Amino acid sequence: MTAPVHVVEGSQTSAVDHAICDVLRRHVPHAQHTLIEGAGHMMPLTHPEPLTRALLTGIESSRHVRPNIWSKA
């Protein structure tokens, strides 16, 4: 996989979802990971600011991995 991957999970994520996130972190080369304290499944509603910061940080940092992915054609 060459596309940038950013795994965002909450500290209150279910055991099944945590296991999925763990597999992604271990098996996707260069995958980024962010853990948002106190967040669970409804993270976009309960923790919108930390989630937005994590996503923007992930997008910005992925520019050095594949610079052309964000360029306008």
C-alpha atoms as a PDB file:
ATOM      1  CA  MET A   1       0.000   0.000   0.000  1.00  0.00           C
ATOM      2  CA  THR A   2       1.425   3.341  -0.981  1.00  0.00           C
ATOM      3  CA  ALA A   3      -1.378   5.691   0.054  1.00  0.00           C
ATOM      4  CA  PRO A   4      -0.900   7.525   3.354  1.00  0.00           C
ATOM      5  CA  VAL A   5      -2.767   5.851   6.214  1.00  0.00           C
ATOM      6  CA  HIS A   6      -3.607   7.516   9.522  1.00  0.00           C
ATOM      7  CA  VAL A   7      -5.181   5.286  12.165  1.00  0.00           C
ATOM      8  CA  VAL A   8      -7.153   7.403  14.645  1.00  0.00           C
ATOM      9  CA  GLU A   9      -8.652   5.651  17.642  1.00  0.00           C
ATOM     10  CA  GLY A  10     -10.059   6.653  20.977  1.00  0.00           C
ATOM     11  CA  SER A  11      -8.942   5.398  24.351  1.00  0.00           C
ATOM     12  CA  GLN A  12     -12.524   4.176  24.861  1.00  0.00           C
ATOM     13  CA  THR A  13     -12.591   2.245  21.572  1.00  0.00           C
ATOM     14  CA  SER A  14     -14.131  -1.220  21.803  1.00  0.00           C
ATOM     15  CA  ALA A  15     -11.839  -4.234  22.040  1.00  0.00           C
ATOM     16  CA  VAL A  16     -12.744  -5.347  18.502  1.00  0.00           C
ATOM     17  CA  ASP A  17     -12.076  -1.918  17.003  1.00  0.00           C
ATOM     18  CA  HIS A  18      -8.843  -1.610  18.997  1.00  0.00           C
ATOM     19  CA  ALA A  19      -7.697  -4.962  17.565  1.00  0.00           C
ATOM     20  CA  ILE A  20      -8.424  -3.739  14.027  1.00  0.00           C
ATOM     21  CA  CYS A  21      -6.468  -0.542  14.660  1.00  0.00           C
ATOM     22  CA  ASP A  22      -3.591  -2.606  16.054  1.00  0.00           C
ATOM     23  CA  VAL A  23      -3.475  -4.810  12.941  1.00  0.00           C
ATOM     24  CA  LEU A  24      -3.448  -1.733  10.694  1.00  0.00           C
ATOM     25  CA  ARG A  25      -0.661  -0.086  12.696  1.00  0.00           C
ATOM     26  CA  ARG A  26       1.473  -3.236  12.564  1.00  0.00           C
ATOM     27  CA  HIS A  27       0.930  -4.179   8.934  1.00  0.00           C
ATOM     28  CA  VAL A  28       0.559  -0.954   6.961  1.00  0.00           C
ATOM     29  CA  PRO A  29       3.985   0.512   6.204  1.00  0.00           C
ATOM     30  CA  HIS A  30       4.421   4.080   7.482  1.00  0.00           C
ATOM     31  CA  ALA A  31       0.926   4.168   9.021  1.00  0.00           C
ATOM     32  CA  GLN A  32       0.491   7.038  11.425  1.00  0.00           C
ATOM     33  CA  HIS A  33      -1.378   6.516  14.680  1.00  0.00           C
ATOM     34  CA  THR A  34      -3.197   8.937  16.943  1.00  0.00           C
ATOM     35  CA  LEU A  35      -4.901   7.990  20.194  1.00  0.00           C
ATOM     36  CA  ILE A  36      -7.515  10.467  21.404  1.00  0.00           C
ATOM     37  CA  GLU A  37      -8.006  10.222  25.162  1.00  0.00           C
ATOM     38  CA  GLY A  38     -11.578   9.697  26.326  1.00  0.00           C
ATOM     39  CA  ALA A  39     -12.954   9.170  22.812  1.00  0.00           C
ATOM     40  CA  GLY A  40     -14.878   6.145  21.587  1.00  0.00           C
ATOM     41  CA  HIS A  41     -17.021   5.215  18.614  1.00  0.00           C
ATOM     42  CA  MET A  42     -18.802   8.574  18.459  1.00  0.00           C
ATOM     43  CA  MET A  43     -15.543  10.531  18.311  1.00  0.00           C
ATOM     44  CA  PRO A  44     -16.729  12.982  15.604  1.00  0.00           C
ATOM     45  CA  LEU A  45     -19.544  14.090  17.913  1.00  0.00           C
ATOM     46  CA  THR A  46     -17.863  13.869  21.310  1.00  0.00           C
ATOM     47  CA  HIS A  47     -14.314  14.982  20.444  1.00  0.00           C
ATOM     48  CA  PRO A  48     -14.529  17.018  17.201  1.00  0.00           C
ATOM     49  CA  GLU A  49     -11.619  19.360  17.954  1.00  0.00           C
ATOM     50  CA  PRO A  50      -8.991  16.698  18.761  1.00  0.00           C
ATOM     51  CA  LEU A  51     -10.195  14.611  15.811  1.00  0.00           C
ATOM     52  CA  THR A  52      -9.931  17.572  13.436  1.00  0.00           C
ATOM     53  CA  ARG A  53      -6.414  18.370  14.701  1.00  0.00           C
ATOM     54  CA  ALA A  54      -5.370  14.735  14.247  1.00  0.00           C
ATOM     55  CA  LEU A  55      -6.754  14.565  10.707  1.00  0.00           C
ATOM     56  CA  LEU A  56      -5.178  17.864   9.654  1.00  0.00           C
ATOM     57  CA  THR A  57      -1.846  16.842  11.160  1.00  0.00           C
ATOM     58  CA  GLY A  58      -2.026  13.508   9.343  1.00  0.00           C
ATOM     59  CA  ILE A  59      -2.806  15.168   6.022  1.00  0.00           C
ATOM     60  CA  GLU A  60      -0.013  17.690   6.428  1.00  0.00           C
ATOM     61  CA  SER A  61       2.576  15.093   7.449  1.00  0.00           C
ATOM     62  CA  SER A  62       1.596  12.787   4.573  1.00  0.00           C
ATOM     63  CA  ARG A  63       2.758  15.402   2.077  1.00  0.00           C
ATOM     64  CA  HIS A  64       6.376  14.304   2.532  1.00  0.00           C
ATOM     65  CA  VAL A  65       5.470  10.617   2.020  1.00  0.00           C
ATOM     66  CA  ARG A  66       3.745  11.122  -1.346  1.00  0.00           C
ATOM     67  CA  PRO A  67       4.041  14.792  -2.290  1.00  0.00           C
ATOM     68  CA  ASN A  68       2.144  14.403  -5.578  1.00  0.00           C
ATOM     69  CA  ILE A  69      -1.006  13.031  -3.969  1.00  0.00           C
ATOM     70  CA  TRP A  70      -2.100  16.505  -2.847  1.00  0.00           C
ATOM     71  CA  SER A  71      -1.056  18.500  -5.891  1.00  0.00           C
ATOM     72  CA  LYS A  72      -3.747  19.955  -8.113  1.00  0.00           C
ATOM     73  CA  ALA A  73      -3.837  18.634 -11.654  1.00  0.00           C
END
